[in-house]
């Protein structure tokens, strides 16, 4: 969830109480971003961190319409990740505790870009 300023319309992710643009205080509306696509701003590939599907590919993404956040990427070949690639959100398992309890969160997945053609 992000927040959108009711006064000027600026979107904030992570959510904020004070608008970075017009400085309005506590004039925010929650906004769902699960269905909003984003663009990879930067990324890193970590071959040492634990993951259910190594290596860990972490990307900072800029959502269409505003908002920036870091996500782990899922179902991705590290060679296919690049700055400017389009991603969508997918609710995925992060890990399973030794007690068998699963932990879930949003991950970024690459989406097909029609301008690139099929691979």
PDB file of N, CA and C in Angstrom:
ATOM      1  N   UNK A   1       0.840  -1.181   0.000  1.00  0.00           N
ATOM      2  CA  UNK A   1       0.000   0.000   0.000  1.00  0.00           C
ATOM      3  C   UNK A   1       0.885   1.245   0.000  1.00  0.00           C
ATOM      4  N   UNK A   2       0.469   2.203  -0.776  1.00  0.00           N
ATOM      5  CA  UNK A   2       1.128   3.506  -0.817  1.00  0.00           C
ATOM      6  C   UNK A   2       0.161   4.525  -0.239  1.00  0.00           C
ATOM      7  N   UNK A   3       0.584   5.767  -0.156  1.00  0.00           N
ATOM      8  CA  UNK A   3      -0.324   6.838   0.247  1.00  0.00           C
ATOM      9  C   UNK A   3      -0.307   7.903  -0.841  1.00  0.00           C
ATOM     10  N   UNK A   4      -1.469   8.500  -1.081  1.00  0.00           N
ATOM     11  CA  UNK A   4      -1.577   9.578  -2.064  1.00  0.00           C
ATOM     12  C   UNK A   4      -2.087  10.824  -1.362  1.00  0.00           C
ATOM     13  N   UNK A   5      -1.402  11.938  -1.582  1.00  0.00           N
ATOM     14  CA  UNK A   5      -1.777  13.208  -0.964  1.00  0.00           C
ATOM     15  C   UNK A   5      -3.117  13.680  -1.529  1.00  0.00           C
ATOM     16  N   UNK A   6      -4.044  13.966  -0.658  1.00  0.00           N
ATOM     17  CA  UNK A   6      -5.355  14.444  -1.080  1.00  0.00           C
ATOM     18  C   UNK A   6      -5.301  15.882  -1.590  1.00  0.00           C
ATOM     19  N   UNK A   7      -4.277  16.617  -1.210  1.00  0.00           N
ATOM     20  CA  UNK A   7      -4.165  18.013  -1.625  1.00  0.00           C
ATOM     21  C   UNK A   7      -3.554  18.151  -3.020  1.00  0.00           C
ATOM     22  N   UNK A   8      -2.394  17.478  -3.262  1.00  0.00           N
ATOM     23  CA  UNK A   8      -1.708  17.680  -4.545  1.00  0.00           C
ATOM     24  C   UNK A   8      -1.644  16.436  -5.432  1.00  0.00           C
ATOM     25  N   UNK A   9      -2.007  15.255  -4.880  1.00  0.00           N
ATOM     26  CA  UNK A   9      -2.034  14.037  -5.686  1.00  0.00           C
ATOM     27  C   UNK A   9      -0.734  13.272  -5.761  1.00  0.00           C
ATOM     28  N   UNK A  10       0.299  13.672  -5.014  1.00  0.00           N
ATOM     29  CA  UNK A  10       1.584  12.978  -5.043  1.00  0.00           C
ATOM     30  C   UNK A  10       1.473  11.629  -4.343  1.00  0.00           C
ATOM     31  N   UNK A  11       2.023  10.566  -4.983  1.00  0.00           N
ATOM     32  CA  UNK A  11       2.018   9.228  -4.383  1.00  0.00           C
ATOM     33  C   UNK A  11       3.315   9.020  -3.625  1.00  0.00           C
ATOM     34  N   UNK A  12       3.208   8.389  -2.440  1.00  0.00           N
ATOM     35  CA  UNK A  12       4.367   8.110  -1.596  1.00  0.00           C
ATOM     36  C   UNK A  12       4.449   6.614  -1.315  1.00  0.00           C
ATOM     37  N   UNK A  13       5.608   6.047  -1.590  1.00  0.00           N
ATOM     38  CA  UNK A  13       5.878   4.668  -1.233  1.00  0.00           C
ATOM     39  C   UNK A  13       7.323   4.608  -0.781  1.00  0.00           C
ATOM     40  N   UNK A  14       7.583   4.244   0.458  1.00  0.00           N
ATOM     41  CA  UNK A  14       6.624   3.818   1.463  1.00  0.00           C
ATOM     42  C   UNK A  14       5.660   4.952   1.842  1.00  0.00           C
ATOM     43  N   UNK A  15       4.495   4.559   2.415  1.00  0.00           N
ATOM     44  CA  UNK A  15       3.494   5.563   2.793  1.00  0.00           C
ATOM     45  C   UNK A  15       4.075   6.618   3.732  1.00  0.00           C
ATOM     46  N   UNK A  16       3.545   7.823   3.620  1.00  0.00           N
ATOM     47  CA  UNK A  16       4.037   8.926   4.446  1.00  0.00           C
ATOM     48  C   UNK A  16       2.867   9.672   5.071  1.00  0.00           C
ATOM     49  N   UNK A  17       3.119  10.343   6.178  1.00  0.00           N
ATOM     50  CA  UNK A  17       2.112  11.205   6.811  1.00  0.00           C
ATOM     51  C   UNK A  17       2.208  12.624   6.289  1.00  0.00           C
ATOM     52  N   UNK A  18       3.419  13.038   5.874  1.00  0.00           N
ATOM     53  CA  UNK A  18       3.646  14.395   5.388  1.00  0.00           C
ATOM     54  C   UNK A  18       4.016  14.316   3.914  1.00  0.00           C
ATOM     55  N   UNK A  19       3.341  15.084   3.079  1.00  0.00           N
ATOM     56  CA  UNK A  19       3.597  15.086   1.640  1.00  0.00           C
ATOM     57  C   UNK A  19       4.951  15.733   1.347  1.00  0.00           C
ATOM     58  N   UNK A  20       5.764  15.042   0.552  1.00  0.00           N
ATOM     59  CA  UNK A  20       7.073  15.571   0.181  1.00  0.00           C
ATOM     60  C   UNK A  20       6.965  16.732  -0.792  1.00  0.00           C
ATOM     61  N   UNK A  21       5.828  16.846  -1.482  1.00  0.00           N
ATOM     62  CA  UNK A  21       5.656  17.894  -2.489  1.00  0.00           C
ATOM     63  C   UNK A  21       5.034  19.167  -1.908  1.00  0.00           C
ATOM     64  N   UNK A  22       3.851  19.036  -1.270  1.00  0.00           N
ATOM     65  CA  UNK A  22       3.147  20.236  -0.778  1.00  0.00           C
ATOM     66  C   UNK A  22       3.182  20.376   0.741  1.00  0.00           C
ATOM     67  N   UNK A  23       3.758  19.399   1.438  1.00  0.00           N
ATOM     68  CA  UNK A  23       3.937  19.410   2.900  1.00  0.00           C
ATOM     69  C   UNK A  23       2.624  19.315   3.689  1.00  0.00           C
ATOM     70  N   UNK A  24       1.552  18.844   3.055  1.00  0.00           N
ATOM     71  CA  UNK A  24       0.297  18.618   3.778  1.00  0.00           C
ATOM     72  C   UNK A  24       0.527  17.519   4.819  1.00  0.00           C
ATOM     73  N   UNK A  25      -0.092  17.652   5.989  1.00  0.00           N
ATOM     74  CA  UNK A  25       0.082  16.689   7.080  1.00  0.00           C
ATOM     75  C   UNK A  25      -1.213  15.918   7.281  1.00  0.00           C
ATOM     76  N   UNK A  26      -1.085  14.577   7.342  1.00  0.00           N
ATOM     77  CA  UNK A  26      -2.217  13.677   7.591  1.00  0.00           C
ATOM     78  C   UNK A  26      -3.375  13.902   6.626  1.00  0.00           C
ATOM     79  N   UNK A  27      -3.066  14.158   5.374  1.00  0.00           N
ATOM     80  CA  UNK A  27      -4.086  14.293   4.339  1.00  0.00           C
ATOM     81  C   UNK A  27      -3.800  13.272   3.237  1.00  0.00           C
ATOM     82  N   UNK A  28      -3.690  12.009   3.649  1.00  0.00           N
ATOM     83  CA  UNK A  28      -3.324  10.928   2.729  1.00  0.00           C
ATOM     84  C   UNK A  28      -4.441   9.904   2.616  1.00  0.00           C
ATOM     85  N   UNK A  29      -4.523   9.297   1.441  1.00  0.00           N
ATOM     86  CA  UNK A  29      -5.443   8.200   1.177  1.00  0.00           C
ATOM     87  C   UNK A  29      -4.611   6.985   0.799  1.00  0.00           C
ATOM     88  N   UNK A  30      -4.967   5.812   1.342  1.00  0.00           N
ATOM     89  CA  UNK A  30      -4.250   4.596   0.977  1.00  0.00           C
ATOM     90  C   UNK A  30      -4.505   4.268  -0.484  1.00  0.00           C
ATOM     91  N   UNK A  31      -3.476   3.712  -1.138  1.00  0.00           N
ATOM     92  CA  UNK A  31      -3.592   3.348  -2.544  1.00  0.00           C
ATOM     93  C   UNK A  31      -2.916   2.001  -2.770  1.00  0.00           C
ATOM     94  N   UNK A  32      -3.637   1.068  -3.346  1.00  0.00           N
ATOM     95  CA  UNK A  32      -3.130  -0.283  -3.609  1.00  0.00           C
ATOM     96  C   UNK A  32      -2.223  -0.257  -4.840  1.00  0.00           C
ATOM     97  N   UNK A  33      -1.044  -0.901  -4.719  1.00  0.00           N
ATOM     98  CA  UNK A  33      -0.109  -0.947  -5.833  1.00  0.00           C
ATOM     99  C   UNK A  33       0.125  -2.356  -6.373  1.00  0.00           C
ATOM    100  N   UNK A  34      -0.584  -3.344  -5.854  1.00  0.00           N
ATOM    101  CA  UNK A  34      -0.362  -4.732  -6.263  1.00  0.00           C
ATOM    102  C   UNK A  34      -0.581  -4.942  -7.757  1.00  0.00           C
ATOM    103  N   UNK A  35      -1.436  -4.143  -8.380  1.00  0.00           N
ATOM    104  CA  UNK A  35      -1.749  -4.312  -9.801  1.00  0.00           C
ATOM    105  C   UNK A  35      -1.078  -3.259 -10.681  1.00  0.00           C
ATOM    106  N   UNK A  36      -0.180  -2.471 -10.105  1.00  0.00           N
ATOM    107  CA  UNK A  36       0.506  -1.411 -10.853  1.00  0.00           C
ATOM    108  C   UNK A  36       1.885  -1.919 -11.279  1.00  0.00           C
ATOM    109  N   UNK A  37       2.211  -1.780 -12.551  1.00  0.00           N
ATOM    110  CA  UNK A  37       3.522  -2.200 -13.021  1.00  0.00           C
ATOM    111  C   UNK A  37       4.579  -1.166 -12.653  1.00  0.00           C
ATOM    112  N   UNK A  38       5.838  -1.586 -12.774  1.00  0.00           N
ATOM    113  CA  UNK A  38       6.962  -0.735 -12.382  1.00  0.00           C
ATOM    114  C   UNK A  38       8.134  -0.964 -13.326  1.00  0.00           C
ATOM    115  N   UNK A  39       9.161  -0.135 -13.156  1.00  0.00           N
ATOM    116  CA  UNK A  39      10.371  -0.215 -13.970  1.00  0.00           C
ATOM    117  C   UNK A  39      11.578  -0.390 -13.056  1.00  0.00           C
ATOM    118  N   UNK A  40      12.485  -1.282 -13.436  1.00  0.00           N
ATOM    119  CA  UNK A  40      13.695  -1.506 -12.647  1.00  0.00           C
ATOM    120  C   UNK A  40      14.580  -0.260 -12.723  1.00  0.00           C
ATOM    121  N   UNK A  41      14.859   0.337 -11.553  1.00  0.00           N
ATOM    122  CA  UNK A  41      15.738   1.507 -11.477  1.00  0.00           C
ATOM    123  C   UNK A  41      17.191   1.079 -11.282  1.00  0.00           C
ATOM    124  N   UNK A  42      17.389   0.036 -10.471  1.00  0.00           N
ATOM    125  CA  UNK A  42      18.720  -0.549 -10.256  1.00  0.00           C
ATOM    126  C   UNK A  42      18.511  -1.936  -9.658  1.00  0.00           C
ATOM    127  N   UNK A  43      19.554  -2.759  -9.671  1.00  0.00           N
ATOM    128  CA  UNK A  43      19.428  -4.116  -9.135  1.00  0.00           C
ATOM    129  C   UNK A  43      20.782  -4.637  -8.714  1.00  0.00           C
ATOM    130  N   UNK A  44      20.755  -5.723  -7.958  1.00  0.00           N
ATOM    131  CA  UNK A  44      21.983  -6.405  -7.571  1.00  0.00           C
ATOM    132  C   UNK A  44      21.726  -7.904  -7.559  1.00  0.00           C
ATOM    133  N   UNK A  45      22.774  -8.672  -7.762  1.00  0.00           N
ATOM    134  CA  UNK A  45      22.693 -10.133  -7.731  1.00  0.00           C
ATOM    135  C   UNK A  45      23.580 -10.606  -6.593  1.00  0.00           C
ATOM    136  N   UNK A  46      22.975 -11.302  -5.627  1.00  0.00           N
ATOM    137  CA  UNK A  46      23.687 -11.765  -4.434  1.00  0.00           C
ATOM    138  C   UNK A  46      23.766 -13.284  -4.465  1.00  0.00           C
ATOM    139  N   UNK A  47      24.958 -13.804  -4.667  1.00  0.00           N
ATOM    140  CA  UNK A  47      25.143 -15.255  -4.763  1.00  0.00           C
ATOM    141  C   UNK A  47      25.478 -15.897  -3.410  1.00  0.00           C
ATOM    142  N   UNK A  48      25.582 -15.072  -2.343  1.00  0.00           N
ATOM    143  CA  UNK A  48      25.926 -15.600  -1.024  1.00  0.00           C
ATOM    144  C   UNK A  48      24.746 -15.662  -0.066  1.00  0.00           C
ATOM    145  N   UNK A  49      23.735 -14.811  -0.238  1.00  0.00           N
ATOM    146  CA  UNK A  49      22.587 -14.767   0.670  1.00  0.00           C
ATOM    147  C   UNK A  49      21.719 -16.001   0.495  1.00  0.00           C
ATOM    148  N   UNK A  50      21.075 -16.428   1.603  1.00  0.00           N
ATOM    149  CA  UNK A  50      20.172 -17.578   1.546  1.00  0.00           C
ATOM    150  C   UNK A  50      18.950 -17.229   0.724  1.00  0.00           C
ATOM    151  N   UNK A  51      18.497 -18.187  -0.073  1.00  0.00           N
ATOM    152  CA  UNK A  51      17.281 -18.023  -0.854  1.00  0.00           C
ATOM    153  C   UNK A  51      16.720 -19.399  -1.175  1.00  0.00           C
ATOM    154  N   UNK A  52      15.390 -19.488  -1.334  1.00  0.00           N
ATOM    155  CA  UNK A  52      14.774 -20.737  -1.774  1.00  0.00           C
ATOM    156  C   UNK A  52      15.161 -21.041  -3.219  1.00  0.00           C
ATOM    157  N   UNK A  53      15.470 -19.981  -3.994  1.00  0.00           N
ATOM    158  CA  UNK A  53      15.859 -20.145  -5.396  1.00  0.00           C
ATOM    159  C   UNK A  53      17.035 -19.214  -5.690  1.00  0.00           C
ATOM    160  N   UNK A  54      18.257 -19.600  -5.278  1.00  0.00           N
ATOM    161  CA  UNK A  54      19.406 -18.727  -5.470  1.00  0.00           C
ATOM    162  C   UNK A  54      19.737 -18.546  -6.952  1.00  0.00           C
ATOM    163  N   UNK A  55      20.447 -17.475  -7.317  1.00  0.00           N
ATOM    164  CA  UNK A  55      20.902 -16.387  -6.456  1.00  0.00           C
ATOM    165  C   UNK A  55      19.779 -15.403  -6.168  1.00  0.00           C
ATOM    166  N   UNK A  56      19.954 -14.573  -5.144  1.00  0.00           N
ATOM    167  CA  UNK A  56      18.980 -13.539  -4.820  1.00  0.00           C
ATOM    168  C   UNK A  56      19.192 -12.379  -5.787  1.00  0.00           C
ATOM    169  N   UNK A  57      18.125 -12.005  -6.480  1.00  0.00           N
ATOM    170  CA  UNK A  57      18.164 -10.825  -7.341  1.00  0.00           C
ATOM    171  C   UNK A  57      17.254  -9.798  -6.671  1.00  0.00           C
ATOM    172  N   UNK A  58      17.838  -8.695  -6.230  1.00  0.00           N
ATOM    173  CA  UNK A  58      17.069  -7.630  -5.575  1.00  0.00           C
ATOM    174  C   UNK A  58      17.055  -6.426  -6.505  1.00  0.00           C
ATOM    175  N   UNK A  59      15.867  -5.817  -6.630  1.00  0.00           N
ATOM    176  CA  UNK A  59      15.725  -4.674  -7.529  1.00  0.00           C
ATOM    177  C   UNK A  59      15.004  -3.537  -6.834  1.00  0.00           C
ATOM    178  N   UNK A  60      15.448  -2.326  -7.110  1.00  0.00           N
ATOM    179  CA  UNK A  60      14.721  -1.134  -6.701  1.00  0.00           C
ATOM    180  C   UNK A  60      13.868  -0.763  -7.905  1.00  0.00           C
ATOM    181  N   UNK A  61      12.546  -0.648  -7.693  1.00  0.00           N
ATOM    182  CA  UNK A  61      11.640  -0.386  -8.814  1.00  0.00           C
ATOM    183  C   UNK A  61      10.882   0.916  -8.605  1.00  0.00           C
ATOM    184  N   UNK A  62      10.625   1.596  -9.711  1.00  0.00           N
ATOM    185  CA  UNK A  62       9.820   2.813  -9.720  1.00  0.00           C
ATOM    186  C   UNK A  62       8.451   2.465 -10.284  1.00  0.00           C
ATOM    187  N   UNK A  63       7.411   2.637  -9.452  1.00  0.00           N
ATOM    188  CA  UNK A  63       6.047   2.331  -9.884  1.00  0.00           C
ATOM    189  C   UNK A  63       5.535   3.397 -10.838  1.00  0.00           C
ATOM    190  N   UNK A  64       4.732   2.969 -11.808  1.00  0.00           N
ATOM    191  CA  UNK A  64       4.066   3.913 -12.698  1.00  0.00           C
ATOM    192  C   UNK A  64       3.198   4.837 -11.853  1.00  0.00           C
ATOM    193  N   UNK A  65       3.344   6.119 -12.022  1.00  0.00           N
ATOM    194  CA  UNK A  65       2.553   7.073 -11.255  1.00  0.00           C
ATOM    195  C   UNK A  65       3.212   7.504  -9.955  1.00  0.00           C
ATOM    196  N   UNK A  66       4.408   6.971  -9.652  1.00  0.00           N
ATOM    197  CA  UNK A  66       5.139   7.388  -8.469  1.00  0.00           C
ATOM    198  C   UNK A  66       5.278   6.306  -7.423  1.00  0.00           C
ATOM    199  N   UNK A  67       6.344   6.394  -6.653  1.00  0.00           N
ATOM    200  CA  UNK A  67       6.638   5.429  -5.604  1.00  0.00           C
ATOM    201  C   UNK A  67       7.817   4.559  -5.980  1.00  0.00           C
ATOM    202  N   UNK A  68       8.713   4.346  -5.045  1.00  0.00           N
ATOM    203  CA  UNK A  68       9.918   3.538  -5.261  1.00  0.00           C
ATOM    204  C   UNK A  68      10.058   2.587  -4.085  1.00  0.00           C
ATOM    205  N   UNK A  69      10.445   1.313  -4.389  1.00  0.00           N
ATOM    206  CA  UNK A  69      10.584   0.329  -3.330  1.00  0.00           C
ATOM    207  C   UNK A  69      11.556  -0.753  -3.785  1.00  0.00           C
ATOM    208  N   UNK A  70      12.162  -1.449  -2.832  1.00  0.00           N
ATOM    209  CA  UNK A  70      13.057  -2.560  -3.140  1.00  0.00           C
ATOM    210  C   UNK A  70      12.329  -3.880  -2.980  1.00  0.00           C
ATOM    211  N   UNK A  71      12.478  -4.754  -3.960  1.00  0.00           N
ATOM    212  CA  UNK A  71      11.857  -6.075  -3.925  1.00  0.00           C
ATOM    213  C   UNK A  71      12.863  -7.129  -4.329  1.00  0.00           C
ATOM    214  N   UNK A  72      12.671  -8.341  -3.806  1.00  0.00           N
ATOM    215  CA  UNK A  72      13.375  -9.498  -4.342  1.00  0.00           C
ATOM    216  C   UNK A  72      12.642  -9.895  -5.618  1.00  0.00           C
ATOM    217  N   UNK A  73      13.377 -10.366  -6.602  1.00  0.00           N
ATOM    218  CA  UNK A  73      12.749 -10.792  -7.848  1.00  0.00           C
ATOM    219  C   UNK A  73      12.531 -12.296  -7.810  1.00  0.00           C
ATOM    220  N   UNK A  74      11.485 -12.757  -8.497  1.00  0.00           N
ATOM    221  CA  UNK A  74      11.142 -14.171  -8.540  1.00  0.00           C
ATOM    222  C   UNK A  74      11.109 -14.641  -9.993  1.00  0.00           C
ATOM    223  N   UNK A  75      11.376 -15.930 -10.176  1.00  0.00           N
ATOM    224  CA  UNK A  75      11.299 -16.560 -11.500  1.00  0.00           C
ATOM    225  C   UNK A  75      12.118 -15.805 -12.534  1.00  0.00           C
ATOM    226  N   UNK A  76      13.360 -15.477 -12.181  1.00  0.00           N
ATOM    227  CA  UNK A  76      14.156 -14.651 -13.074  1.00  0.00           C
ATOM    228  C   UNK A  76      15.550 -15.250 -13.278  1.00  0.00           C
ATOM    229  N   UNK A  77      16.006 -15.198 -14.508  1.00  0.00           N
ATOM    230  CA  UNK A  77      17.390 -15.516 -14.833  1.00  0.00           C
ATOM    231  C   UNK A  77      18.166 -14.215 -14.647  1.00  0.00           C
ATOM    232  N   UNK A  78      19.179 -14.194 -13.796  1.00  0.00           N
ATOM    233  CA  UNK A  78      19.917 -12.942 -13.564  1.00  0.00           C
ATOM    234  C   UNK A  78      20.394 -12.262 -14.851  1.00  0.00           C
ATOM    235  N   UNK A  79      20.658 -13.035 -15.888  1.00  0.00           N
ATOM    236  CA  UNK A  79      21.118 -12.459 -17.155  1.00  0.00           C
ATOM    237  C   UNK A  79      20.020 -11.651 -17.850  1.00  0.00           C
ATOM    238  N   UNK A  80      18.758 -11.879 -17.480  1.00  0.00           N
ATOM    239  CA  UNK A  80      17.641 -11.174 -18.120  1.00  0.00           C
ATOM    240  C   UNK A  80      17.297  -9.854 -17.443  1.00  0.00           C
ATOM    241  N   UNK A  81      17.861  -9.601 -16.253  1.00  0.00           N
ATOM    242  CA  UNK A  81      17.537  -8.383 -15.511  1.00  0.00           C
ATOM    243  C   UNK A  81      18.389  -7.227 -16.031  1.00  0.00           C
ATOM    244  N   UNK A  82      17.750  -6.076 -16.211  1.00  0.00           N
ATOM    245  CA  UNK A  82      18.465  -4.881 -16.656  1.00  0.00           C
ATOM    246  C   UNK A  82      17.698  -3.650 -16.206  1.00  0.00           C
ATOM    247  N   UNK A  83      18.416  -2.553 -16.039  1.00  0.00           N
ATOM    248  CA  UNK A  83      17.771  -1.284 -15.719  1.00  0.00           C
ATOM    249  C   UNK A  83      16.830  -0.942 -16.869  1.00  0.00           C
ATOM    250  N   UNK A  84      15.608  -0.527 -16.510  1.00  0.00           N
ATOM    251  CA  UNK A  84      14.611  -0.185 -17.514  1.00  0.00           C
ATOM    252  C   UNK A  84      13.633  -1.300 -17.825  1.00  0.00           C
ATOM    253  N   UNK A  85      13.914  -2.537 -17.380  1.00  0.00           N
ATOM    254  CA  UNK A  85      12.983  -3.649 -17.603  1.00  0.00           C
ATOM    255  C   UNK A  85      11.703  -3.413 -16.821  1.00  0.00           C
ATOM    256  N   UNK A  86      10.597  -3.922 -17.349  1.00  0.00           N
ATOM    257  CA  UNK A  86       9.292  -3.778 -16.714  1.00  0.00           C
ATOM    258  C   UNK A  86       9.026  -4.967 -15.802  1.00  0.00           C
ATOM    259  N   UNK A  87       8.411  -4.695 -14.643  1.00  0.00           N
ATOM    260  CA  UNK A  87       8.074  -5.739 -13.684  1.00  0.00           C
ATOM    261  C   UNK A  87       6.646  -5.550 -13.191  1.00  0.00           C
ATOM    262  N   UNK A  88       6.102  -6.638 -12.676  1.00  0.00           N
ATOM    263  CA  UNK A  88       4.785  -6.635 -12.027  1.00  0.00           C
ATOM    264  C   UNK A  88       4.965  -7.289 -10.664  1.00  0.00           C
ATOM    265  N   UNK A  89       4.015  -7.095  -9.773  1.00  0.00           N
ATOM    266  CA  UNK A  89       4.098  -7.652  -8.431  1.00  0.00           C
ATOM    267  C   UNK A  89       3.446  -9.032  -8.386  1.00  0.00           C
ATOM    268  N   UNK A  90       4.038  -9.916  -7.586  1.00  0.00           N
ATOM    269  CA  UNK A  90       3.521 -11.264  -7.401  1.00  0.00           C
ATOM    270  C   UNK A  90       3.694 -11.642  -5.932  1.00  0.00           C
ATOM    271  N   UNK A  91       2.634 -12.162  -5.285  1.00  0.00           N
ATOM    272  CA  UNK A  91       2.670 -12.518  -3.868  1.00  0.00           C
ATOM    273  C   UNK A  91       3.320 -13.885  -3.743  1.00  0.00           C
ATOM    274  N   UNK A  92       4.494 -13.954  -3.119  1.00  0.00           N
ATOM    275  CA  UNK A  92       5.281 -15.182  -3.094  1.00  0.00           C
ATOM    276  C   UNK A  92       5.779 -15.520  -1.701  1.00  0.00           C
ATOM    277  N   UNK A  93       6.150 -16.795  -1.538  1.00  0.00           N
ATOM    278  CA  UNK A  93       6.744 -17.254  -0.285  1.00  0.00           C
ATOM    279  C   UNK A  93       8.179 -16.776  -0.204  1.00  0.00           C
ATOM    280  N   UNK A  94       8.538 -16.167   0.921  1.00  0.00           N
ATOM    281  CA  UNK A  94       9.920 -15.735   1.159  1.00  0.00           C
ATOM    282  C   UNK A  94      10.740 -16.873   1.738  1.00  0.00           C
ATOM    283  N   UNK A  95      10.198 -17.520   2.776  1.00  0.00           N
ATOM    284  CA  UNK A  95      10.892 -18.631   3.400  1.00  0.00           C
ATOM    285  C   UNK A  95       9.926 -19.389   4.293  1.00  0.00           C
ATOM    286  N   UNK A  96      10.365 -20.554   4.786  1.00  0.00           N
ATOM    287  CA  UNK A  96       9.583 -21.364   5.707  1.00  0.00           C
ATOM    288  C   UNK A  96      10.400 -21.539   6.978  1.00  0.00           C
ATOM    289  N   UNK A  97       9.806 -21.189   8.121  1.00  0.00           N
ATOM    290  CA  UNK A  97      10.489 -21.331   9.411  1.00  0.00           C
ATOM    291  C   UNK A  97      10.632 -22.809   9.756  1.00  0.00           C
ATOM    292  N   UNK A  98      11.504 -23.111  10.698  1.00  0.00           N
ATOM    293  CA  UNK A  98      11.728 -24.501  11.101  1.00  0.00           C
ATOM    294  C   UNK A  98      10.469 -25.130  11.678  1.00  0.00           C
ATOM    295  N   UNK A  99       9.513 -24.291  12.110  1.00  0.00           N
ATOM    296  CA  UNK A  99       8.245 -24.802  12.646  1.00  0.00           C
ATOM    297  C   UNK A  99       7.243 -25.095  11.532  1.00  0.00           C
ATOM    298  N   UNK A 100       7.631 -24.852  10.277  1.00  0.00           N
ATOM    299  CA  UNK A 100       6.737 -25.117   9.151  1.00  0.00           C
ATOM    300  C   UNK A 100       5.842 -23.943   8.780  1.00  0.00           C
ATOM    301  N   UNK A 101       6.035 -22.804   9.417  1.00  0.00           N
ATOM    302  CA  UNK A 101       5.239 -21.618   9.123  1.00  0.00           C
ATOM    303  C   UNK A 101       5.859 -20.882   7.935  1.00  0.00           C
ATOM    304  N   UNK A 102       5.044 -20.575   6.944  1.00  0.00           N
ATOM    305  CA  UNK A 102       5.513 -19.890   5.739  1.00  0.00           C
ATOM    306  C   UNK A 102       5.386 -18.378   5.910  1.00  0.00           C
ATOM    307  N   UNK A 103       6.347 -17.659   5.347  1.00  0.00           N
ATOM    308  CA  UNK A 103       6.344 -16.194   5.361  1.00  0.00           C
ATOM    309  C   UNK A 103       6.225 -15.729   3.912  1.00  0.00           C
ATOM    310  N   UNK A 104       5.205 -14.898   3.639  1.00  0.00           N
ATOM    311  CA  UNK A 104       4.949 -14.422   2.282  1.00  0.00           C
ATOM    312  C   UNK A 104       5.129 -12.911   2.184  1.00  0.00           C
ATOM    313  N   UNK A 105       5.481 -12.433   0.992  1.00  0.00           N
ATOM    314  CA  UNK A 105       5.547 -11.007   0.712  1.00  0.00           C
ATOM    315  C   UNK A 105       5.539 -10.826  -0.796  1.00  0.00           C
ATOM    316  N   UNK A 106       5.459  -9.586  -1.223  1.00  0.00           N
ATOM    317  CA  UNK A 106       5.446  -9.276  -2.645  1.00  0.00           C
ATOM    318  C   UNK A 106       6.850  -9.392  -3.223  1.00  0.00           C
ATOM    319  N   UNK A 107       6.936  -9.979  -4.418  1.00  0.00           N
ATOM    320  CA  UNK A 107       8.176 -10.027  -5.176  1.00  0.00           C
ATOM    321  C   UNK A 107       7.900  -9.442  -6.560  1.00  0.00           C
ATOM    322  N   UNK A 108       8.958  -9.012  -7.222  1.00  0.00           N
ATOM    323  CA  UNK A 108       8.833  -8.470  -8.572  1.00  0.00           C
ATOM    324  C   UNK A 108       9.138  -9.573  -9.584  1.00  0.00           C
ATOM    325  N   UNK A 109       8.349  -9.623 -10.649  1.00  0.00           N
ATOM    326  CA  UNK A 109       8.588 -10.564 -11.741  1.00  0.00           C
ATOM    327  C   UNK A 109       8.648  -9.782 -13.046  1.00  0.00           C
ATOM    328  N   UNK A 110       9.549 -10.198 -13.938  1.00  0.00           N
ATOM    329  CA  UNK A 110       9.654  -9.539 -15.231  1.00  0.00           C
ATOM    330  C   UNK A 110       8.381  -9.765 -16.041  1.00  0.00           C
ATOM    331  N   UNK A 111       7.976  -8.758 -16.774  1.00  0.00           N
ATOM    332  CA  UNK A 111       6.835  -8.893 -17.680  1.00  0.00           C
ATOM    333  C   UNK A 111       7.343  -8.762 -19.108  1.00  0.00           C
ATOM    334  N   UNK A 112       6.656  -9.414 -20.022  1.00  0.00           N
ATOM    335  CA  UNK A 112       7.063  -9.353 -21.425  1.00  0.00           C
ATOM    336  C   UNK A 112       6.847  -7.954 -21.967  1.00  0.00           C
ATOM    337  N   UNK A 113       7.855  -7.444 -22.634  1.00  0.00           N
ATOM    338  CA  UNK A 113       7.780  -6.140 -23.273  1.00  0.00           C
ATOM    339  C   UNK A 113       7.573  -6.364 -24.763  1.00  0.00           C
ATOM    340  N   UNK A 114       6.394  -5.998 -25.320  1.00  0.00           N
ATOM    341  CA  UNK A 114       6.125  -6.250 -26.735  1.00  0.00           C
ATOM    342  C   UNK A 114       7.153  -5.598 -27.661  1.00  0.00           C
ATOM    343  N   UNK A 115       7.796  -4.517 -27.209  1.00  0.00           N
ATOM    344  CA  UNK A 115       8.788  -3.821 -28.047  1.00  0.00           C
ATOM    345  C   UNK A 115      10.048  -4.678 -28.243  1.00  0.00           C
ATOM    346  N   UNK A 116      10.320  -5.593 -27.313  1.00  0.00           N
ATOM    347  CA  UNK A 116      11.514  -6.441 -27.424  1.00  0.00           C
ATOM    348  C   UNK A 116      11.297  -7.650 -28.307  1.00  0.00           C
ATOM    349  N   UNK A 117      10.054  -8.022 -28.552  1.00  0.00           N
ATOM    350  CA  UNK A 117       9.764  -9.240 -29.309  1.00  0.00           C
ATOM    351  C   UNK A 117       9.872 -10.446 -28.410  1.00  0.00           C
ATOM    352  N   UNK A 118       9.626 -11.632 -28.947  1.00  0.00           N
ATOM    353  CA  UNK A 118       9.664 -12.846 -28.118  1.00  0.00           C
ATOM    354  C   UNK A 118      11.081 -13.400 -28.088  1.00  0.00           C
ATOM    355  N   UNK A 119      11.401 -14.040 -26.965  1.00  0.00           N
ATOM    356  CA  UNK A 119      12.728 -14.654 -26.808  1.00  0.00           C
ATOM    357  C   UNK A 119      12.661 -16.113 -27.153  1.00  0.00           C
TER     358      UNK A 119
END
